[in-house]
């Protein structure tokens, strides 16, 4: 299949770097932001998908000798996705560098055969970055004038180790399984058994671990330590600098209370970044696994009729940042703007929603003293003219607000502004989610969907009592509640959940009576 002359098809072969999301290049980020489809592999940090929230994402990973998908299938899929729907921009996101043992050359050839224009965006290779994060420079004026990068995959036959006798530093990729065999062959080819060696697992990530030894002992040291792929092995005198120069593990251990822990963020990909950054600042390895997505309302005509005529509406009640964003999208679709709301008071469920309004030039007329729908309903001032309090929300909003207003005899109305629907993570994300130390929940719908997808055997941190109640009702027993419904408090709750280990914890700084 060849691309027609008018096709928009374009492929970016992007090196994702070795694991630390901060090592993605600026050009790589631009390609992701423009992508309509992203094919990503096992070693590409899935956190990078946040730069492509609009794209279809497809996991095509291979791990060691257990291949989920053959390379020929990946090539075919790459071409198929690029040529579909009149042509699409596709990013092939690959761990490390595209052309360093990444089969990027084969994928580029597939594009050429299909007549698809493409670009190569080089990435930071693990051959250089992982030793650097372990304090090992692959060259050093006093110790090493040259280095070579080898694959440890011996299925195609071993390397010609004898030809490498003059190379000072050897860097082995994908060599954990065959490390003993490779070390023996290097010694047989003339490399001294006492040559320093180091193996680094999950280099550049919070899970980085390393062991050192000699060429004769490194395979046994790796087995004893339980190191597995992905790992990089360095052989040469430069390994002696590992201990004095290992800046990353020392710094990361002191970087924050969540250092070395994986925290899962279940917000939509668009909304996850602020919380993720707060967790990373505390040292966490963040796994973004959106469990819900927002979709257009199923009742656009009824909604637009209600928005066009706000007479009789005393208050517009907004209970999420998404509600604010969707409101302005619908106003724009109607040819209206913020001036249309001039005669109606605006109530925000909490400070975050109030900030979303402020970003659009509007000040909330009321924000409850404690964020939450039930507090909004209990505290909002009644209006003497008896106008309706119109709740703009999704089809899944809980009835806490409605019940609180009904108890006060205030007229409540509701309009479906958008829909909240379940998002099905890919199998790799689900596997990683099950290994998370704590899962953050920002909504009741996320709690219910997590329970339906993966059960309730998780330690969770909930943003506020309303979300915590939904989590408990769904069956979660290890629930830590944020003191207030803010992102900083949710990060605090994630810390508290890890400190307590098991059982339920009340919000930090909140009396016990509040948490029951």
Protein backbone atom coordinates (compact mmCIF):
# COMPACT_ATOMS: atom_id res chain seq x y z
CA UNK A 1 0.00 0.00 0.00
CA UNK A 2 1.43 3.35 -1.10
CA UNK A 3 0.38 6.79 0.09
CA UNK A 4 -1.56 8.81 -2.51
CA UNK A 5 -0.09 12.15 -3.50
CA UNK A 6 -2.75 14.06 -1.55
CA UNK A 7 -2.34 12.07 1.66
CA UNK A 8 -1.65 13.85 4.95
CA UNK A 9 0.22 10.78 6.18
CA UNK A 10 3.39 11.53 8.12
CA UNK A 11 5.40 9.43 10.57
CA UNK A 12 7.70 10.72 13.29
CA UNK A 13 10.12 8.12 14.65
CA UNK A 14 10.77 9.62 18.08
CA UNK A 15 13.36 8.54 20.63
CA UNK A 16 11.73 8.73 24.06
CA UNK A 17 14.96 8.59 26.04
CA UNK A 18 15.84 5.98 28.66
CA UNK A 19 13.04 6.54 31.19
CA UNK A 20 13.29 9.96 32.82
CA UNK A 21 10.51 11.91 31.10
CA UNK A 22 12.60 15.08 31.41
CA UNK A 23 15.06 13.70 28.86
CA UNK A 24 12.57 13.86 25.98
CA UNK A 25 13.80 16.36 23.39
CA UNK A 26 11.85 19.52 22.56
CA UNK A 27 11.31 18.25 19.01
CA UNK A 28 10.01 14.96 20.38
CA UNK A 29 7.46 16.83 22.49
CA UNK A 30 6.35 18.88 19.47
CA UNK A 31 5.81 15.69 17.47
CA UNK A 32 3.68 14.21 20.26
CA UNK A 33 1.61 17.38 20.53
CA UNK A 34 0.83 17.15 16.81
CA UNK A 35 0.18 13.40 16.77
CA UNK A 36 -3.14 11.79 15.92
CA UNK A 37 -1.86 8.28 16.69
CA UNK A 38 0.99 7.18 18.99
CA UNK A 39 2.52 3.70 18.91
CA UNK A 40 4.64 3.27 22.03
CA UNK A 41 6.81 0.48 23.34
CA UNK A 42 7.72 -1.09 26.67
CA UNK A 43 10.70 1.15 27.38
CA UNK A 44 9.02 4.44 26.44
CA UNK A 45 7.84 6.16 29.60
CA UNK A 46 4.01 6.16 29.31
CA UNK A 47 4.04 9.45 31.21
CA UNK A 48 5.08 11.07 27.91
CA UNK A 49 1.62 10.34 26.50
CA UNK A 50 0.37 13.36 28.41
CA UNK A 51 1.85 15.47 25.60
CA UNK A 52 -0.61 13.80 23.19
CA UNK A 53 -3.95 13.85 25.04
CA UNK A 54 -5.87 14.00 21.78
CA UNK A 55 -4.16 11.03 20.15
CA UNK A 56 -5.14 7.39 19.83
CA UNK A 57 -2.49 5.47 21.78
CA UNK A 58 -1.50 1.90 20.99
CA UNK A 59 0.91 -0.23 23.02
CA UNK A 60 3.17 -2.28 20.76
CA UNK A 61 5.77 -3.27 23.34
CA UNK A 62 8.14 -6.18 23.45
CA UNK A 63 9.83 -7.25 26.67
CA UNK A 64 12.92 -9.38 26.42
CA UNK A 65 12.21 -12.61 24.56
CA UNK A 66 8.46 -12.49 25.28
CA UNK A 67 7.15 -10.56 22.30
CA UNK A 68 3.62 -9.19 22.47
CA UNK A 69 3.78 -8.23 18.80
CA UNK A 70 6.27 -9.04 16.04
CA UNK A 71 8.29 -6.30 14.40
CA UNK A 72 6.68 -6.99 11.04
CA UNK A 73 3.28 -6.43 12.62
CA UNK A 74 4.46 -3.13 14.08
CA UNK A 75 5.67 -2.02 10.64
CA UNK A 76 2.32 -2.94 9.08
CA UNK A 77 0.38 -1.16 11.83
CA UNK A 78 2.53 1.95 11.48
CA UNK A 79 1.78 2.13 7.77
CA UNK A 80 -1.91 1.31 8.24
CA UNK A 81 -2.44 4.03 10.84
CA UNK A 82 -0.54 6.62 8.80
CA UNK A 83 -2.58 5.94 5.65
CA UNK A 84 -6.00 5.66 7.34
CA UNK A 85 -8.70 8.36 7.11
CA UNK A 86 -7.00 10.25 4.32
CA UNK A 87 -3.67 10.28 6.12
CA UNK A 88 -2.72 10.87 9.75
CA UNK A 89 0.26 12.07 11.74
CA UNK A 90 1.69 9.07 13.58
CA UNK A 91 4.39 9.06 16.23
CA UNK A 92 6.34 5.87 16.84
CA UNK A 93 7.62 6.47 20.37
CA UNK A 94 10.64 4.28 21.11
CA UNK A 95 12.69 3.94 24.27
CA UNK A 96 16.19 5.42 24.09
CA UNK A 97 17.31 6.46 20.62
CA UNK A 98 15.50 5.45 17.45
CA UNK A 99 18.55 4.02 15.67
CA UNK A 100 20.46 2.46 18.58
CA UNK A 101 19.29 -1.17 18.74
CA UNK A 102 15.74 0.09 18.36
CA UNK A 103 14.79 -1.31 14.94
CA UNK A 104 14.03 2.22 13.88
CA UNK A 105 15.82 1.60 10.62
CA UNK A 106 13.36 -1.17 9.75
CA UNK A 107 10.42 1.11 10.51
CA UNK A 108 11.90 3.88 8.38
CA UNK A 109 12.29 1.38 5.52
CA UNK A 110 8.62 0.44 5.89
CA UNK A 111 7.69 4.10 5.49
CA UNK A 112 9.84 4.38 2.36
CA UNK A 113 8.22 1.30 0.81
CA UNK A 114 4.74 2.72 1.51
CA UNK A 115 5.65 6.15 0.16
CA UNK A 116 5.02 7.82 3.54
CA UNK A 117 7.14 10.88 4.40
CA UNK A 118 8.82 10.56 7.77
CA UNK A 119 11.28 12.16 10.14
CA UNK A 120 13.71 10.78 12.71
CA UNK A 121 13.81 12.53 16.07
CA UNK A 122 16.89 11.22 17.89
CA UNK A 123 16.55 10.40 21.55
CA UNK A 124 18.94 10.24 24.48
CA UNK A 125 20.36 6.73 24.34
CA UNK A 126 20.37 4.58 27.45
CA UNK A 127 23.94 3.65 26.49
CA UNK A 128 25.01 7.13 27.56
CA UNK A 129 22.33 8.32 29.98
CA UNK A 130 22.07 5.27 32.24
CA UNK A 131 25.81 5.13 33.02
CA UNK A 132 25.74 8.90 33.57
CA UNK A 133 22.87 8.59 36.08
CA UNK A 134 24.94 5.93 37.88
CA UNK A 135 27.96 8.24 38.07
CA UNK A 136 29.89 6.43 35.31
CA UNK A 137 31.29 8.53 32.47
CA UNK A 138 31.82 6.28 29.45
CA UNK A 139 34.96 8.28 28.62
CA UNK A 140 37.43 9.97 30.95
CA UNK A 141 40.71 11.64 30.10
CA UNK A 142 42.65 9.49 32.57
CA UNK A 143 40.71 6.22 32.26
CA UNK A 144 39.04 5.76 28.88
CA UNK A 145 39.67 7.25 25.46
CA UNK A 146 37.07 5.13 23.63
CA UNK A 147 33.83 3.23 24.14
CA UNK A 148 31.67 0.75 22.23
CA UNK A 149 27.98 -0.04 22.54
CA UNK A 150 26.98 -3.71 22.13
CA UNK A 151 23.73 -5.60 22.14
CA UNK A 152 23.49 -8.34 24.71
CA UNK A 153 20.91 -10.16 22.60
CA UNK A 154 22.86 -13.19 21.34
CA UNK A 155 20.08 -14.79 19.29
CA UNK A 156 21.82 -13.58 16.15
CA UNK A 157 25.20 -14.81 17.41
CA UNK A 158 27.68 -13.23 19.79
CA UNK A 159 29.67 -10.12 19.01
CA UNK A 160 33.25 -10.40 17.76
CA UNK A 161 34.67 -9.60 21.16
CA UNK A 162 38.26 -10.11 20.05
CA UNK A 163 37.97 -7.07 17.78
CA UNK A 164 37.10 -4.91 20.80
CA UNK A 165 40.34 -5.51 22.68
CA UNK A 166 41.48 -1.92 22.13
CA UNK A 167 38.21 -0.33 23.29
CA UNK A 168 38.43 1.02 26.84
CA UNK A 169 34.74 1.01 27.85
CA UNK A 170 32.07 -1.48 26.78
CA UNK A 171 28.37 -0.71 27.23
CA UNK A 172 26.02 -3.70 26.94
CA UNK A 173 22.33 -3.18 26.23
CA UNK A 174 19.73 -5.93 26.66
CA UNK A 175 22.30 -8.25 28.21
CA UNK A 176 20.99 -9.33 31.62
CA UNK A 177 19.78 -12.75 30.52
CA UNK A 178 23.08 -13.58 28.81
CA UNK A 179 25.44 -11.67 31.11
CA UNK A 180 27.34 -14.73 32.36
CA UNK A 181 27.88 -16.00 28.83
CA UNK A 182 28.96 -12.58 27.56
CA UNK A 183 31.38 -12.04 30.46
CA UNK A 184 32.99 -15.43 29.88
CA UNK A 185 33.43 -14.71 26.16
CA UNK A 186 34.97 -11.30 26.90
CA UNK A 187 37.46 -12.94 29.27
CA UNK A 188 38.22 -15.62 26.70
CA UNK A 189 38.84 -12.85 24.13
CA UNK A 190 41.47 -11.32 26.40
CA UNK A 191 39.64 -8.89 28.69
CA UNK A 192 41.02 -9.18 32.27
CA UNK A 193 38.67 -10.98 34.71
CA UNK A 194 39.29 -8.23 37.26
CA UNK A 195 38.02 -5.46 34.97
CA UNK A 196 35.48 -3.37 36.90
CA UNK A 197 31.85 -3.86 35.83
CA UNK A 198 28.49 -2.44 36.83
CA UNK A 199 24.87 -3.26 35.95
CA UNK A 200 22.16 -0.61 36.31
CA UNK A 201 18.47 -1.54 36.23
CA UNK A 202 15.74 0.98 35.27
CA UNK A 203 18.35 3.68 34.92
CA UNK A 204 17.25 7.35 35.09
CA UNK A 205 13.99 6.41 36.87
CA UNK A 206 13.10 6.38 40.58
CA UNK A 207 13.43 2.57 40.45
CA UNK A 208 17.10 2.78 39.48
CA UNK A 209 19.26 0.12 41.16
CA UNK A 210 22.85 -0.80 40.49
CA UNK A 211 25.42 -3.39 41.49
CA UNK A 212 29.15 -3.41 40.88
CA UNK A 213 31.75 -6.12 40.64
CA UNK A 214 34.28 -7.36 38.14
CA UNK A 215 33.88 -9.00 34.78
CA UNK A 216 34.30 -12.34 36.54
CA UNK A 217 31.71 -11.65 39.26
CA UNK A 218 29.13 -9.27 37.81
CA UNK A 219 26.72 -11.97 36.56
CA UNK A 220 26.57 -13.55 40.03
CA UNK A 221 26.14 -10.13 41.68
CA UNK A 222 23.23 -9.33 39.37
CA UNK A 223 21.53 -12.65 40.17
CA UNK A 224 22.01 -12.14 43.91
CA UNK A 225 20.53 -8.65 43.75
CA UNK A 226 17.60 -9.83 41.63
CA UNK A 227 18.21 -7.30 38.88
CA UNK A 228 16.30 -7.91 35.68
CA UNK A 229 15.68 -6.17 32.37
CA UNK A 230 15.75 -3.39 31.44
CA UNK A 231 19.35 -2.97 32.48
CA UNK A 232 22.62 -1.62 31.12
CA UNK A 233 26.02 -3.13 31.93
CA UNK A 234 29.25 -1.13 31.77
CA UNK A 235 32.67 -2.79 31.65
CA UNK A 236 35.86 -0.79 32.08
CA UNK A 237 38.00 1.26 34.43
CA UNK A 238 35.46 4.10 34.42
CA UNK A 239 33.23 1.94 36.64
CA UNK A 240 35.57 2.83 39.53
CA UNK A 241 33.94 6.27 39.49
CA UNK A 242 30.50 4.82 40.27
CA UNK A 243 30.72 5.20 44.05
CA UNK A 244 32.18 8.72 44.28
CA UNK A 245 30.06 10.11 41.41
CA UNK A 246 26.68 8.38 41.84
CA UNK A 247 24.73 11.61 42.11
CA UNK A 248 21.28 10.43 41.04
CA UNK A 249 20.49 7.71 43.56
CA UNK A 250 21.80 9.82 46.42
CA UNK A 251 19.87 12.88 45.27
CA UNK A 252 16.72 10.92 44.51
CA UNK A 253 16.70 9.30 47.91
CA UNK A 254 16.66 12.75 49.48
CA UNK A 255 14.37 14.28 46.89
CA UNK A 256 11.13 13.78 48.74
CA UNK A 257 8.92 11.63 50.94
CA UNK A 258 7.55 9.71 47.93
CA UNK A 259 10.97 8.86 46.49
CA UNK A 260 11.02 5.42 44.89
CA UNK A 261 7.24 4.98 45.17
CA UNK A 262 4.85 4.67 42.23
CA UNK A 263 1.69 6.74 42.57
CA UNK A 264 -1.10 6.27 40.05
CA UNK A 265 -3.10 9.29 38.91
CA UNK A 266 -6.52 8.37 37.54
CA UNK A 267 -7.72 11.77 36.33
CA UNK A 268 -8.31 12.39 32.64
CA UNK A 269 -5.04 12.82 30.76
CA UNK A 270 -5.75 16.53 30.22
CA UNK A 271 -6.44 17.08 33.92
CA UNK A 272 -3.69 14.90 35.36
CA UNK A 273 -0.61 17.04 34.76
CA UNK A 274 -0.95 19.45 37.70
CA UNK A 275 -1.33 16.64 40.24
CA UNK A 276 1.42 14.62 38.58
CA UNK A 277 3.87 17.51 38.85
CA UNK A 278 3.11 17.91 42.56
CA UNK A 279 3.73 14.21 43.14
CA UNK A 280 6.98 14.24 41.13
CA UNK A 281 8.19 17.17 43.20
CA UNK A 282 7.90 14.85 46.21
CA UNK A 283 9.98 12.18 44.48
CA UNK A 284 7.21 9.90 43.22
CA UNK A 285 7.28 7.93 40.02
CA UNK A 286 3.92 8.93 38.54
CA UNK A 287 1.79 6.59 36.48
CA UNK A 288 -1.03 8.37 34.66
CA UNK A 289 -3.88 5.93 34.03
CA UNK A 290 -7.03 7.87 33.09
CA UNK A 291 -10.08 5.90 34.20
CA UNK A 292 -12.67 8.37 32.92
CA UNK A 293 -13.04 10.57 29.87
CA UNK A 294 -15.32 13.46 29.08
CA UNK A 295 -17.69 13.26 26.13
CA UNK A 296 -20.22 15.70 24.63
CA UNK A 297 -23.66 15.89 26.20
CA UNK A 298 -26.30 13.55 24.83
CA UNK A 299 -28.86 16.39 25.07
CA UNK A 300 -27.32 19.33 23.17
CA UNK A 301 -30.64 20.83 22.03
CA UNK A 302 -32.12 20.91 25.53
CA UNK A 303 -28.91 22.27 26.98
CA UNK A 304 -28.60 25.02 24.38
CA UNK A 305 -32.21 26.04 24.87
CA UNK A 306 -31.57 26.36 28.59
CA UNK A 307 -28.38 28.33 28.12
CA UNK A 308 -29.92 30.73 25.60
CA UNK A 309 -32.63 31.72 28.08
CA UNK A 310 -31.38 32.05 31.63
CA UNK A 311 -34.37 34.02 32.83
CA UNK A 312 -35.65 32.53 36.05
CA UNK A 313 -32.19 31.16 36.93
CA UNK A 314 -30.87 32.76 40.10
CA UNK A 315 -27.64 30.76 40.32
CA UNK A 316 -25.52 28.67 37.99
CA UNK A 317 -23.91 25.92 40.08
CA UNK A 318 -20.53 24.70 38.78
CA UNK A 319 -19.03 21.71 40.57
CA UNK A 320 -15.88 20.92 38.55
CA UNK A 321 -13.22 22.49 36.34
CA UNK A 322 -14.63 20.46 33.45
CA UNK A 323 -18.02 22.11 33.98
CA UNK A 324 -16.44 25.54 33.56
CA UNK A 325 -14.57 24.47 30.42
CA UNK A 326 -17.66 22.83 28.91
CA UNK A 327 -19.87 25.83 29.72
CA UNK A 328 -17.65 28.16 27.73
CA UNK A 329 -17.39 25.68 24.86
CA UNK A 330 -21.19 25.65 24.60
CA UNK A 331 -21.46 29.42 24.89
CA UNK A 332 -18.98 29.74 22.04
CA UNK A 333 -20.96 27.25 19.94
CA UNK A 334 -24.02 29.46 20.49
CA UNK A 335 -22.16 32.60 19.43
CA UNK A 336 -22.19 33.88 23.01
CA UNK A 337 -19.54 34.79 25.56
CA UNK A 338 -19.21 35.69 29.25
CA UNK A 339 -21.43 38.76 28.85
CA UNK A 340 -24.40 36.41 28.45
CA UNK A 341 -23.99 35.43 32.12
CA UNK A 342 -24.16 39.01 33.41
CA UNK A 343 -27.58 38.64 34.98
CA UNK A 344 -26.91 35.31 36.68
CA UNK A 345 -24.91 34.61 39.81
CA UNK A 346 -22.15 31.99 39.67
CA UNK A 347 -21.37 29.51 42.44
CA UNK A 348 -18.22 27.37 42.44
CA UNK A 349 -17.92 24.16 44.45
CA UNK A 350 -14.41 25.04 45.65
CA UNK A 351 -11.34 27.22 45.07
CA UNK A 352 -10.09 25.18 42.09
CA UNK A 353 -13.36 25.66 40.18
CA UNK A 354 -13.37 29.33 41.19
CA UNK A 355 -9.89 29.68 39.68
CA UNK A 356 -11.13 28.16 36.44
CA UNK A 357 -13.77 30.88 36.30
CA UNK A 358 -11.22 33.58 37.15
CA UNK A 359 -9.02 32.39 34.26
CA UNK A 360 -11.96 33.26 32.00
CA UNK A 361 -12.43 36.69 33.52
CA UNK A 362 -15.28 35.85 35.90
CA UNK A 363 -15.33 35.98 39.68
CA UNK A 364 -17.42 33.39 41.50
CA UNK A 365 -20.20 35.06 43.48
CA UNK A 366 -20.08 32.27 46.06
CA UNK A 367 -17.62 29.59 47.15
CA UNK A 368 -18.43 27.48 50.25
CA UNK A 369 -16.08 27.67 53.23
CA UNK A 370 -15.38 23.95 52.79
CA UNK A 371 -15.18 22.65 49.24
CA UNK A 372 -17.76 20.03 48.31
CA UNK A 373 -21.22 19.69 46.80
CA UNK A 374 -23.01 19.12 50.10
CA UNK A 375 -21.35 22.20 51.61
CA UNK A 376 -22.27 24.26 48.55
CA UNK A 377 -25.89 23.21 48.95
CA UNK A 378 -25.92 23.95 52.68
CA UNK A 379 -24.24 27.36 52.51
CA UNK A 380 -25.31 29.07 49.28
CA UNK A 381 -27.47 32.12 50.00
CA UNK A 382 -31.15 31.76 49.20
CA UNK A 383 -32.53 34.29 46.74
CA UNK A 384 -35.61 36.34 47.64
CA UNK A 385 -37.09 36.04 44.14
CA UNK A 386 -37.14 32.25 44.36
CA UNK A 387 -35.23 31.71 41.14
CA UNK A 388 -33.94 28.27 40.18
CA UNK A 389 -30.48 27.08 41.16
CA UNK A 390 -29.30 25.43 37.93
CA UNK A 391 -26.65 22.74 38.29
CA UNK A 392 -24.52 22.36 35.14
CA UNK A 393 -22.88 18.95 35.43
CA UNK A 394 -22.46 15.47 33.96
CA UNK A 395 -25.00 12.68 33.84
CA UNK A 396 -23.18 10.90 36.69
CA UNK A 397 -23.08 13.66 39.29
CA UNK A 398 -24.05 12.45 42.77
CA UNK A 399 -27.19 13.89 44.36
CA UNK A 400 -25.48 15.46 47.41
CA UNK A 401 -26.09 18.99 46.11
CA UNK A 402 -29.70 18.35 45.17
CA UNK A 403 -30.48 16.82 48.57
CA UNK A 404 -28.82 19.67 50.46
CA UNK A 405 -30.87 22.25 48.54
CA UNK A 406 -34.09 20.24 48.90
CA UNK A 407 -33.59 20.18 52.67
CA UNK A 408 -33.66 23.98 52.55
CA UNK A 409 -36.64 24.14 50.22
CA UNK A 410 -34.64 25.74 47.40
CA UNK A 411 -35.64 25.05 43.77
CA UNK A 412 -33.06 22.86 42.03
CA UNK A 413 -32.63 22.33 38.31
CA UNK A 414 -30.11 20.25 36.44
CA UNK A 415 -28.73 20.30 32.90
CA UNK A 416 -26.38 17.75 31.35
CA UNK A 417 -23.40 19.87 30.30
CA UNK A 418 -21.13 16.94 29.37
CA UNK A 419 -20.89 13.19 29.90
CA UNK A 420 -18.48 11.24 32.07
CA UNK A 421 -17.64 7.88 30.54
CA UNK A 422 -15.27 5.06 31.51
CA UNK A 423 -11.90 4.94 29.80
CA UNK A 424 -10.33 1.52 29.30
CA UNK A 425 -6.56 1.61 29.88
CA UNK A 426 -4.35 -0.65 27.78
CA UNK A 427 -3.05 -3.91 29.24
CA UNK A 428 0.39 -2.48 30.04
CA UNK A 429 -1.13 0.41 32.00
CA UNK A 430 -3.34 -2.01 33.90
CA UNK A 431 -0.34 -4.17 34.81
CA UNK A 432 1.54 -1.13 36.07
CA UNK A 433 -1.52 0.16 37.90
CA UNK A 434 -1.75 -3.06 39.90
CA UNK A 435 1.83 -2.49 41.07
CA UNK A 436 1.26 1.10 42.25
CA UNK A 437 1.90 1.84 45.91
CA UNK A 438 -1.10 4.18 46.09
CA UNK A 439 -3.83 5.27 43.67
CA UNK A 440 -5.25 8.79 43.74
CA UNK A 441 -8.98 9.28 43.14
CA UNK A 442 -10.37 12.69 42.27
CA UNK A 443 -13.98 11.66 41.69
CA UNK A 444 -16.53 9.06 42.65
CA UNK A 445 -16.81 7.90 39.04
CA UNK A 446 -13.07 7.13 39.00
CA UNK A 447 -13.47 5.10 42.20
CA UNK A 448 -16.33 3.06 40.78
CA UNK A 449 -14.57 2.44 37.49
CA UNK A 450 -11.34 1.36 39.22
CA UNK A 451 -13.32 -1.14 41.30
CA UNK A 452 -15.05 -2.51 38.19
CA UNK A 453 -11.81 -2.78 36.20
CA UNK A 454 -9.32 -4.05 38.74
CA UNK A 455 -11.03 -4.72 42.05
CA UNK A 456 -10.62 -2.88 45.34
CA UNK A 457 -7.33 -4.26 46.67
CA UNK A 458 -5.66 -0.87 46.44
CA UNK A 459 -4.44 1.75 48.85
CA UNK A 460 -6.23 4.90 47.67
CA UNK A 461 -6.04 8.62 48.40
CA UNK A 462 -9.35 10.40 47.84
CA UNK A 463 -9.90 14.08 47.07
CA UNK A 464 -12.47 14.94 49.73
CA UNK A 465 -15.17 13.16 51.69
CA UNK A 466 -17.55 12.88 48.74
CA UNK A 467 -15.02 10.90 46.71
CA UNK A 468 -14.03 8.91 49.80
CA UNK A 469 -17.67 7.96 50.41
CA UNK A 470 -17.95 6.74 46.82
CA UNK A 471 -14.73 4.74 47.22
CA UNK A 472 -16.01 3.07 50.39
CA UNK A 473 -19.35 2.28 48.77
CA UNK A 474 -17.44 0.69 45.86
CA UNK A 475 -15.64 -1.59 48.33
CA UNK A 476 -12.28 0.08 49.01
CA UNK A 477 -11.19 -0.35 52.62
CA UNK A 478 -7.80 1.40 52.63
CA UNK A 479 -8.93 4.98 52.06
CA UNK A 480 -7.01 8.10 53.05
CA UNK A 481 -8.93 11.34 52.65
CA UNK A 482 -7.43 14.67 51.63
CA UNK A 483 -7.95 17.31 54.29
CA UNK A 484 -9.48 19.63 51.70
CA UNK A 485 -10.35 18.97 48.04
CA UNK A 486 -7.18 20.44 46.53
CA UNK A 487 -4.33 18.90 44.57
CA UNK A 488 -1.76 19.70 47.27
CA UNK A 489 -3.96 18.05 49.90
CA UNK A 490 -4.42 15.02 47.64
CA UNK A 491 -0.63 14.71 47.35
CA UNK A 492 -0.48 14.96 51.17
CA UNK A 493 -3.04 12.15 51.37
CA UNK A 494 -0.91 9.98 49.07
CA UNK A 495 2.00 10.46 51.46
CA UNK A 496 -0.18 9.66 54.46
CA UNK A 497 -1.51 6.51 52.78
CA UNK A 498 2.03 5.22 52.34
CA UNK A 499 3.00 6.07 55.92
CA UNK A 500 0.06 4.22 57.44
CA UNK A 501 0.45 1.20 55.17
CA UNK A 502 -3.04 -0.18 55.72
CA UNK A 503 -6.33 0.81 57.23
CA UNK A 504 -8.21 4.06 56.86
CA UNK A 505 -6.78 7.41 57.79
CA UNK A 506 -8.67 10.63 58.36
CA UNK A 507 -7.54 13.83 56.70
CA UNK A 508 -4.45 15.47 58.16
CA UNK A 509 -5.40 18.28 60.51
CA UNK A 510 -9.12 17.39 60.52
CA UNK A 511 -10.88 16.31 63.74
CA UNK A 512 -11.82 12.65 64.05
CA UNK A 513 -15.53 13.44 63.92
CA UNK A 514 -15.12 14.75 60.37
CA UNK A 515 -13.63 11.52 59.05
CA UNK A 516 -16.31 9.14 60.23
